[in-house]
Protein backbone atom coordinates (compact mmCIF):
# COMPACT_ATOMS: atom_id res chain seq x y z
CA MET A 1 34.19 1.70 7.72
CA THR A 2 32.68 -1.38 9.42
CA TYR A 3 32.64 -4.75 8.19
CA ARG A 4 30.03 -7.33 8.30
CA CYS A 5 30.78 -11.37 7.33
CA VAL A 6 28.72 -13.09 4.79
CA ARG A 7 29.27 -16.12 2.78
CA SER A 8 29.59 -16.58 -0.46
CA TRP A 9 28.58 -19.48 -2.34
CA GLU A 10 28.52 -17.94 -5.82
CA GLY A 11 31.22 -18.97 -8.81
CA GLU A 12 34.72 -20.08 -8.39
CA GLY A 13 37.69 -17.25 -7.73
CA ARG A 14 38.60 -14.87 -5.37
CA ILE A 15 35.83 -12.32 -3.99
CA GLY A 16 37.06 -9.80 -1.36
CA GLY A 17 40.03 -11.43 -1.03
CA VAL A 18 38.95 -14.34 0.48
CA ASP A 19 38.46 -17.29 -2.04
CA ALA A 20 34.78 -18.02 -2.76
CA SER A 21 35.21 -21.71 -3.02
CA SER A 22 36.11 -22.04 0.52
CA SER A 23 32.94 -21.54 3.27
CA ALA A 24 35.28 -18.80 5.04
CA PRO A 25 33.45 -15.67 5.78
CA VAL A 26 33.93 -12.87 3.35
CA PRO A 27 34.18 -9.05 4.72
CA VAL A 28 31.62 -6.81 3.30
CA PRO A 29 31.47 -3.34 4.06
CA VAL A 30 28.20 -1.83 5.23
CA PRO A 31 27.24 1.60 4.55
CA ALA A 32 27.22 3.95 7.26
CA GLN A 33 23.58 4.41 8.91
CA ALA A 34 21.63 7.10 7.03
CA SER A 35 20.68 10.38 8.65
CA LEU A 36 16.95 10.43 10.07
CA GLY A 37 16.31 12.89 7.16
CA LYS A 38 17.22 10.73 4.31
CA ARG A 39 15.42 7.64 6.29
CA LEU A 40 12.19 9.92 6.53
CA VAL A 41 11.96 10.97 2.65
CA ALA A 42 10.49 8.25 1.55
CA PRO A 43 7.54 7.76 4.02
CA LEU A 44 7.10 11.35 4.32
CA ALA A 45 6.95 11.99 0.45
CA THR A 46 4.53 8.77 0.09
CA LEU A 47 2.22 10.55 2.93
CA ALA A 48 2.26 13.79 1.16
CA GLY A 49 1.29 12.44 -1.75
CA VAL A 50 -1.64 10.68 -0.49
CA LEU A 51 -2.79 13.53 1.87
CA GLY A 52 -2.78 15.74 -1.25
CA ALA A 53 -4.90 13.24 -3.54
CA PHE A 54 -7.26 13.41 -0.44
CA ALA A 55 -7.07 17.15 -0.17
CA TYR A 56 -8.11 17.09 -3.84
CA VAL A 57 -11.08 14.79 -3.61
CA GLY A 58 -11.98 16.57 -0.78
CA ALA A 59 -12.33 19.72 -2.81
CA VAL A 60 -13.57 18.20 -5.97
CA ASP A 61 -16.74 16.81 -5.29
CA PRO A 62 -17.08 13.00 -7.20
CA ASN A 63 -20.76 13.41 -6.54
CA GLU A 64 -21.18 16.13 -8.98
CA ALA A 65 -21.19 14.70 -12.70
CA GLY A 66 -18.36 15.78 -15.05
CA HIS A 67 -15.51 16.22 -12.74
CA TYR A 68 -13.96 12.34 -12.81
CA PRO A 69 -14.39 9.52 -15.59
CA THR A 70 -17.21 6.89 -14.88
CA CYS A 71 -16.32 3.51 -14.15
CA PRO A 72 -15.75 1.49 -17.23
CA LEU A 73 -17.30 -1.80 -16.18
CA LEU A 74 -20.31 -0.06 -14.26
CA ALA A 75 -20.95 2.07 -17.73
CA MET A 76 -20.50 -0.71 -20.07
CA THR A 77 -22.20 -3.56 -18.01
CA GLY A 78 -23.78 -2.18 -15.10
CA ILE A 79 -21.69 -4.50 -12.73
CA LEU A 80 -20.24 -2.75 -9.72
CA CYS A 81 -16.53 -3.16 -9.55
CA PRO A 82 -14.91 -3.10 -6.26
CA GLY A 83 -13.63 0.45 -6.51
CA CYS A 84 -16.85 1.82 -7.58
CA GLY A 85 -17.91 4.40 -4.76
CA GLY A 86 -14.08 4.49 -3.95
CA LEU A 87 -13.77 8.60 -4.92
CA ARG A 88 -17.14 9.29 -3.03
CA SER A 89 -15.92 7.46 0.16
CA ALA A 90 -12.34 9.42 -0.23
CA HIS A 91 -14.24 12.55 -0.24
CA ALA A 92 -16.57 11.63 2.73
CA VAL A 93 -13.44 10.69 4.87
CA ALA A 94 -11.83 14.31 3.51
CA HIS A 95 -14.71 15.35 5.14
CA GLY A 96 -14.57 13.32 8.26
CA ASP A 97 -17.81 11.29 7.60
CA VAL A 98 -16.76 8.30 8.00
CA VAL A 99 -20.84 6.66 8.05
CA ALA A 100 -21.19 8.15 4.48
CA ALA A 101 -17.74 6.77 3.63
CA LEU A 102 -18.92 3.32 4.37
CA GLY A 103 -21.87 3.64 2.74
CA ALA A 104 -20.19 4.57 -0.35
CA ASN A 105 -17.27 2.04 -0.02
CA ALA A 106 -16.79 0.14 2.92
CA MET A 107 -13.89 -1.76 1.46
CA ALA A 108 -11.96 1.84 0.43
CA VAL A 109 -12.68 2.53 4.04
CA VAL A 110 -10.77 -0.72 5.39
CA GLY A 111 -7.86 -0.04 3.15
CA TYR A 112 -7.58 3.82 4.09
CA ALA A 113 -7.10 2.44 7.68
CA ALA A 114 -4.77 -0.45 6.57
CA PHE A 115 -2.79 2.39 5.01
CA ALA A 116 -2.89 4.35 7.84
CA VAL A 117 -1.45 1.59 10.19
CA PHE A 118 1.17 0.98 7.22
CA MET A 119 2.45 4.67 7.35
CA VAL A 120 2.35 4.77 11.27
CA VAL A 121 4.61 1.30 10.92
CA TRP A 122 6.75 2.19 7.92
CA VAL A 123 7.44 5.91 9.53
CA THR A 124 8.36 4.48 12.99
CA ARG A 125 10.60 1.81 11.36
CA ALA A 126 12.31 4.73 9.57
CA VAL A 127 13.00 6.53 12.62
CA LYS A 128 14.67 3.60 14.62
CA GLY A 129 16.68 3.16 11.33
CA ARG A 130 15.23 -0.32 10.27
CA ALA A 131 14.05 -0.88 6.88
CA MET A 132 10.57 -1.63 6.05
CA ASP A 133 10.06 -5.23 4.29
CA VAL A 134 6.35 -5.94 3.40
CA ARG A 135 6.26 -9.69 2.16
CA LEU A 136 2.94 -11.59 1.32
CA THR A 137 2.47 -15.35 1.18
CA ARG A 138 0.94 -16.88 -2.00
CA VAL A 139 -1.51 -17.61 0.21
CA GLN A 140 -2.17 -14.37 1.73
CA TRP A 141 -2.15 -12.98 -1.65
CA TRP A 142 -5.11 -15.53 -2.83
CA VAL A 143 -7.01 -14.65 0.42
CA LEU A 144 -6.83 -11.15 -0.51
CA GLY A 145 -7.93 -11.72 -3.93
CA GLY A 146 -10.95 -13.94 -2.54
CA VAL A 147 -11.97 -11.02 -0.13
CA PHE A 148 -12.01 -8.62 -3.20
CA ALA A 149 -14.16 -10.80 -5.10
CA VAL A 150 -16.61 -11.88 -2.57
CA PHE A 151 -17.17 -8.37 -1.94
CA SER A 152 -17.68 -7.62 -5.95
CA VAL A 153 -20.10 -10.53 -6.00
CA VAL A 154 -22.03 -9.89 -2.62
CA ARG A 155 -22.54 -5.85 -3.47
CA ASN A 156 -24.24 -6.50 -6.66
CA LEU A 157 -26.73 -8.93 -5.23
CA PRO A 158 -29.90 -7.76 -4.07
CA PHE A 159 -29.24 -9.03 -0.41
CA GLY A 160 -26.07 -6.91 -0.70
CA SER A 161 -27.44 -3.72 -2.11
CA ALA A 162 -25.88 -2.20 1.30
CA LEU A 163 -22.50 -2.53 0.15
CA ALA A 164 -23.49 -0.74 -3.34
CA PRO A 165 -22.86 2.81 -3.38
């Protein structure tokens, strides 16, 4: 079994045969590296789910009424939410029509591209045996929210009608 040393600063007493109140390193067993197949299960299952969803949306046209529910915000207020046109965008992407996808929901197309990059990074890290850890700072969350808010407002204004589906 492989061991690595960590410092424990929590509580009193003995941990792993070493006095926890001292600053001496505590040996902690490290599990053996998982096989390549086990490391790839999560990213490949995620990719399969997303591809399945795109295949379904590609087969069942959202431009035909009755297949999907309408956006509640649009139905009640007439205001386009950031996701309005997302299914039509996914349908266009599934059929290889990127121009139509951008016309339906440009933000969604950017999201599809970001997801593709994320998946490449995740699979690459899994193959190399490295963990995938994505953490956004508070500022990054606010910027992301601001981008969505600006997109939502602009697409509902007369000069931003090009962003409306």
